Amino acid sequence: VLGVPVSANGSEIKAAYRRLARTWHPDVVSVNQKEMSADRFMRIQAAYSTLSDPNQRADYDRNLRRWNRPFTTVEATATAVASYGFSSYGANRNWETDQC
């Protein structure tokens, strides 16, 4: 959202936030862009709030690493099964009587 690298320090985050806030703040855009800019500004504000707080930043970085690591075979299979809806396959079947 802020367009900063993962390794950005506090001053880089603050500079990016200020630059984007000057561009997207609802008070500085034209009337026909207010609704879109308000939504965008809220996302910018939320990102800055998260990245500028050391505890929230640590949580964010931890979650980012978790989502960027490659899946193991077991995780990939479980994800595929869940996303394709196969988890309920055969739920209505009675294997003792339906095998004929």
N, C-alpha and C. Protein backbone atom coordinates (compact mmCIF):
# COMPACT_ATOMS: atom_id res chain seq x y z
N VAL A 1 0.83 -1.20 0.00
CA VAL A 1 0.00 0.00 0.00
C VAL A 1 0.87 1.25 0.00
N LEU A 2 1.90 1.25 0.85
CA LEU A 2 2.78 2.42 0.92
C LEU A 2 3.86 2.40 -0.14
N GLY A 3 4.08 1.26 -0.76
CA GLY A 3 5.08 1.16 -1.80
C GLY A 3 6.51 1.19 -1.29
N VAL A 4 6.71 0.70 -0.08
CA VAL A 4 8.06 0.65 0.50
C VAL A 4 8.55 -0.79 0.50
N PRO A 5 9.88 -0.98 0.44
CA PRO A 5 10.39 -2.35 0.50
C PRO A 5 10.19 -2.95 1.89
N VAL A 6 10.26 -4.25 1.98
CA VAL A 6 10.10 -4.96 3.25
C VAL A 6 11.13 -4.48 4.26
N SER A 7 12.28 -4.08 3.79
CA SER A 7 13.37 -3.66 4.68
C SER A 7 13.29 -2.16 5.05
N ALA A 8 12.21 -1.48 4.70
CA ALA A 8 12.10 -0.03 4.94
C ALA A 8 12.19 0.29 6.43
N ASN A 9 12.90 1.36 6.73
CA ASN A 9 12.99 1.81 8.12
C ASN A 9 11.90 2.84 8.40
N GLY A 10 11.85 3.32 9.63
CA GLY A 10 10.80 4.23 10.06
C GLY A 10 10.72 5.52 9.26
N SER A 11 11.86 6.10 8.92
CA SER A 11 11.83 7.36 8.17
C SER A 11 11.36 7.14 6.73
N GLU A 12 11.70 6.00 6.14
CA GLU A 12 11.22 5.70 4.79
C GLU A 12 9.71 5.47 4.79
N ILE A 13 9.22 4.80 5.81
CA ILE A 13 7.78 4.55 5.94
C ILE A 13 7.04 5.87 6.13
N LYS A 14 7.56 6.73 6.99
CA LYS A 14 6.93 8.02 7.25
C LYS A 14 6.93 8.89 5.99
N ALA A 15 8.02 8.91 5.26
CA ALA A 15 8.10 9.70 4.03
C ALA A 15 7.09 9.20 2.99
N ALA A 16 6.98 7.89 2.84
CA ALA A 16 6.02 7.32 1.90
C ALA A 16 4.59 7.66 2.32
N TYR A 17 4.32 7.56 3.62
CA TYR A 17 2.99 7.88 4.13
C TYR A 17 2.65 9.34 3.84
N ARG A 18 3.55 10.25 4.12
CA ARG A 18 3.29 11.67 3.90
C ARG A 18 3.07 11.99 2.42
N ARG A 19 3.88 11.37 1.57
CA ARG A 19 3.72 11.59 0.13
C ARG A 19 2.35 11.12 -0.34
N LEU A 20 1.96 9.93 0.08
CA LEU A 20 0.66 9.38 -0.32
C LEU A 20 -0.50 10.13 0.32
N ALA A 21 -0.33 10.56 1.57
CA ALA A 21 -1.40 11.31 2.24
C ALA A 21 -1.66 12.63 1.53
N ARG A 22 -0.61 13.29 1.08
CA ARG A 22 -0.79 14.55 0.34
C ARG A 22 -1.51 14.33 -0.98
N THR A 23 -1.36 13.16 -1.55
CA THR A 23 -2.00 12.85 -2.83
C THR A 23 -3.44 12.39 -2.66
N TRP A 24 -3.69 11.54 -1.65
CA TRP A 24 -4.98 10.85 -1.55
C TRP A 24 -5.90 11.34 -0.44
N HIS A 25 -5.49 12.29 0.35
CA HIS A 25 -6.37 12.78 1.42
C HIS A 25 -7.65 13.33 0.80
N PRO A 26 -8.81 12.98 1.34
CA PRO A 26 -10.09 13.43 0.76
C PRO A 26 -10.24 14.95 0.68
N ASP A 27 -9.52 15.69 1.49
CA ASP A 27 -9.62 17.15 1.45
C ASP A 27 -8.86 17.77 0.29
N VAL A 28 -8.00 17.01 -0.39
CA VAL A 28 -7.20 17.60 -1.46
C VAL A 28 -7.58 17.10 -2.85
N VAL A 29 -8.50 16.16 -2.95
CA VAL A 29 -8.90 15.63 -4.26
C VAL A 29 -10.16 16.34 -4.75
N SER A 30 -10.44 16.17 -6.02
CA SER A 30 -11.65 16.77 -6.58
C SER A 30 -12.89 16.08 -6.02
N VAL A 31 -14.02 16.73 -6.16
CA VAL A 31 -15.28 16.25 -5.58
C VAL A 31 -15.65 14.86 -6.10
N ASN A 32 -15.43 14.62 -7.39
CA ASN A 32 -15.83 13.32 -7.95
C ASN A 32 -14.90 12.18 -7.54
N GLN A 33 -13.79 12.47 -6.88
CA GLN A 33 -12.87 11.41 -6.44
C GLN A 33 -12.89 11.20 -4.93
N LYS A 34 -13.73 11.93 -4.21
CA LYS A 34 -13.71 11.88 -2.75
C LYS A 34 -13.96 10.48 -2.18
N GLU A 35 -14.95 9.78 -2.70
CA GLU A 35 -15.27 8.45 -2.15
C GLU A 35 -14.12 7.47 -2.37
N MET A 36 -13.58 7.45 -3.59
CA MET A 36 -12.47 6.55 -3.88
C MET A 36 -11.24 6.94 -3.07
N SER A 37 -10.98 8.23 -2.95
CA SER A 37 -9.79 8.66 -2.22
C SER A 37 -9.94 8.40 -0.72
N ALA A 38 -11.15 8.49 -0.20
CA ALA A 38 -11.36 8.21 1.22
C ALA A 38 -11.03 6.75 1.52
N ASP A 39 -11.46 5.85 0.65
CA ASP A 39 -11.15 4.43 0.84
C ASP A 39 -9.64 4.20 0.74
N ARG A 40 -9.04 4.77 -0.25
CA ARG A 40 -7.59 4.61 -0.44
C ARG A 40 -6.82 5.20 0.74
N PHE A 41 -7.26 6.38 1.20
CA PHE A 41 -6.57 7.03 2.32
C PHE A 41 -6.68 6.20 3.59
N MET A 42 -7.84 5.57 3.81
CA MET A 42 -7.99 4.72 5.00
C MET A 42 -7.04 3.53 4.95
N ARG A 43 -6.83 2.96 3.75
CA ARG A 43 -5.88 1.85 3.62
C ARG A 43 -4.45 2.33 3.85
N ILE A 44 -4.15 3.52 3.36
CA ILE A 44 -2.82 4.11 3.58
C ILE A 44 -2.60 4.35 5.06
N GLN A 45 -3.60 4.90 5.72
CA GLN A 45 -3.52 5.18 7.15
C GLN A 45 -3.33 3.89 7.96
N ALA A 46 -4.08 2.86 7.59
CA ALA A 46 -3.97 1.57 8.29
C ALA A 46 -2.58 0.96 8.10
N ALA A 47 -2.06 1.05 6.88
CA ALA A 47 -0.71 0.51 6.62
C ALA A 47 0.33 1.27 7.43
N TYR A 48 0.21 2.58 7.46
CA TYR A 48 1.18 3.38 8.22
C TYR A 48 1.07 3.07 9.71
N SER A 49 -0.14 2.93 10.20
CA SER A 49 -0.35 2.61 11.61
C SER A 49 0.30 1.28 11.97
N THR A 50 0.15 0.30 11.11
CA THR A 50 0.74 -1.02 11.35
C THR A 50 2.26 -0.98 11.29
N LEU A 51 2.79 -0.35 10.24
CA LEU A 51 4.24 -0.38 10.04
C LEU A 51 5.00 0.56 10.96
N SER A 52 4.34 1.57 11.51
CA SER A 52 5.05 2.51 12.37
C SER A 52 5.05 2.07 13.84
N ASP A 53 4.22 1.11 14.20
CA ASP A 53 4.20 0.58 15.56
C ASP A 53 5.11 -0.65 15.62
N PRO A 54 6.14 -0.64 16.47
CA PRO A 54 7.10 -1.76 16.49
C PRO A 54 6.46 -3.14 16.72
N ASN A 55 5.49 -3.23 17.60
CA ASN A 55 4.85 -4.53 17.86
C ASN A 55 4.02 -4.99 16.68
N GLN A 56 3.24 -4.08 16.12
CA GLN A 56 2.42 -4.44 14.96
C GLN A 56 3.29 -4.76 13.75
N ARG A 57 4.40 -4.03 13.61
CA ARG A 57 5.32 -4.28 12.51
C ARG A 57 5.93 -5.68 12.64
N ALA A 58 6.29 -6.08 13.85
CA ALA A 58 6.86 -7.41 14.07
C ALA A 58 5.84 -8.49 13.70
N ASP A 59 4.57 -8.30 14.09
CA ASP A 59 3.52 -9.25 13.73
C ASP A 59 3.35 -9.31 12.22
N TYR A 60 3.32 -8.14 11.59
CA TYR A 60 3.16 -8.06 10.14
C TYR A 60 4.30 -8.79 9.43
N ASP A 61 5.54 -8.52 9.85
CA ASP A 61 6.70 -9.16 9.24
C ASP A 61 6.66 -10.68 9.42
N ARG A 62 6.24 -11.12 10.60
CA ARG A 62 6.13 -12.56 10.87
C ARG A 62 5.10 -13.20 9.94
N ASN A 63 3.95 -12.57 9.79
CA ASN A 63 2.91 -13.10 8.91
C ASN A 63 3.35 -13.06 7.45
N LEU A 64 4.06 -12.01 7.08
CA LEU A 64 4.54 -11.89 5.71
C LEU A 64 5.50 -13.02 5.38
N ARG A 65 6.41 -13.32 6.29
CA ARG A 65 7.33 -14.43 6.07
C ARG A 65 6.59 -15.76 5.96
N ARG A 66 5.56 -15.92 6.78
CA ARG A 66 4.79 -17.16 6.76
C ARG A 66 4.11 -17.34 5.40
N TRP A 67 3.54 -16.26 4.85
CA TRP A 67 2.82 -16.36 3.57
C TRP A 67 3.77 -16.44 2.39
N ASN A 68 4.99 -15.97 2.52
CA ASN A 68 5.93 -15.99 1.41
C ASN A 68 6.77 -17.26 1.34
N ARG A 69 6.70 -18.09 2.36
CA ARG A 69 7.50 -19.31 2.29
C ARG A 69 6.80 -20.34 1.42
N PRO A 70 7.56 -21.23 0.78
CA PRO A 70 6.95 -22.24 -0.08
C PRO A 70 6.15 -23.25 0.73
N PHE A 71 5.08 -23.74 0.15
CA PHE A 71 4.28 -24.77 0.78
C PHE A 71 5.03 -26.10 0.79
N THR A 72 4.81 -26.86 1.83
CA THR A 72 5.27 -28.24 1.81
C THR A 72 4.23 -29.03 1.03
N THR A 73 4.53 -30.24 0.69
CA THR A 73 3.60 -31.06 -0.07
C THR A 73 2.30 -31.26 0.69
N VAL A 74 2.39 -31.49 1.99
CA VAL A 74 1.20 -31.71 2.80
C VAL A 74 0.35 -30.44 2.83
N GLU A 75 0.98 -29.27 3.04
CA GLU A 75 0.24 -28.01 3.07
C GLU A 75 -0.39 -27.71 1.72
N ALA A 76 0.34 -27.94 0.64
CA ALA A 76 -0.18 -27.68 -0.69
C ALA A 76 -1.38 -28.57 -0.98
N THR A 77 -1.29 -29.83 -0.61
CA THR A 77 -2.40 -30.75 -0.82
C THR A 77 -3.61 -30.34 0.00
N ALA A 78 -3.40 -29.99 1.25
CA ALA A 78 -4.51 -29.57 2.11
C ALA A 78 -5.14 -28.29 1.58
N THR A 79 -4.32 -27.36 1.10
CA THR A 79 -4.83 -26.11 0.55
C THR A 79 -5.64 -26.38 -0.71
N ALA A 80 -5.13 -27.23 -1.59
CA ALA A 80 -5.84 -27.55 -2.82
C ALA A 80 -7.17 -28.23 -2.53
N VAL A 81 -7.16 -29.16 -1.60
CA VAL A 81 -8.38 -29.87 -1.23
C VAL A 81 -9.41 -28.88 -0.68
N ALA A 82 -8.99 -28.02 0.20
CA ALA A 82 -9.92 -27.06 0.79
C ALA A 82 -10.42 -26.06 -0.23
N SER A 83 -9.56 -25.60 -1.12
CA SER A 83 -9.97 -24.57 -2.07
C SER A 83 -10.86 -25.12 -3.17
N TYR A 84 -10.72 -26.40 -3.49
CA TYR A 84 -11.55 -26.98 -4.53
C TYR A 84 -12.79 -27.66 -3.98
N GLY A 85 -12.96 -27.65 -2.69
CA GLY A 85 -14.18 -28.18 -2.10
C GLY A 85 -14.23 -29.68 -2.03
N PHE A 86 -13.11 -30.36 -2.08
CA PHE A 86 -13.09 -31.81 -2.03
C PHE A 86 -13.24 -32.35 -0.61
N SER A 87 -13.24 -31.48 0.37
CA SER A 87 -13.27 -31.96 1.74
C SER A 87 -14.56 -32.69 2.08
N SER A 88 -15.64 -32.39 1.34
CA SER A 88 -16.90 -33.08 1.63
C SER A 88 -17.18 -34.19 0.61
N TYR A 89 -16.23 -34.49 -0.26
CA TYR A 89 -16.43 -35.54 -1.26
C TYR A 89 -16.69 -36.86 -0.57
N GLY A 90 -17.77 -37.46 -0.94
CA GLY A 90 -18.11 -38.75 -0.38
C GLY A 90 -18.81 -38.67 0.97
N ALA A 91 -19.14 -37.51 1.43
CA ALA A 91 -19.76 -37.36 2.75
C ALA A 91 -21.14 -38.00 2.80
N ASN A 92 -21.83 -38.04 1.67
CA ASN A 92 -23.18 -38.59 1.64
C ASN A 92 -23.21 -40.03 1.14
N ARG A 93 -22.07 -40.64 1.03
CA ARG A 93 -22.01 -42.00 0.54
C ARG A 93 -21.84 -42.98 1.70
N ASN A 94 -22.46 -44.08 1.57
CA ASN A 94 -22.30 -45.17 2.52
C ASN A 94 -21.45 -46.22 1.83
N TRP A 95 -20.20 -46.33 2.21
CA TRP A 95 -19.27 -47.20 1.51
C TRP A 95 -19.60 -48.68 1.68
N GLU A 96 -20.35 -49.01 2.68
CA GLU A 96 -20.70 -50.42 2.84
C GLU A 96 -21.76 -50.85 1.84
N THR A 97 -22.69 -49.97 1.48
CA THR A 97 -23.78 -50.35 0.58
C THR A 97 -23.62 -49.80 -0.83
N ASP A 98 -22.79 -48.80 -1.05
CA ASP A 98 -22.67 -48.17 -2.36
C ASP A 98 -21.57 -48.77 -3.23
N GLN A 99 -20.96 -49.85 -2.83
CA GLN A 99 -19.86 -50.41 -3.60
C GLN A 99 -20.32 -51.40 -4.66
N CYS A 100 -21.56 -51.66 -4.77
CA CYS A 100 -22.07 -52.62 -5.76
C CYS A 100 -22.29 -52.00 -7.11
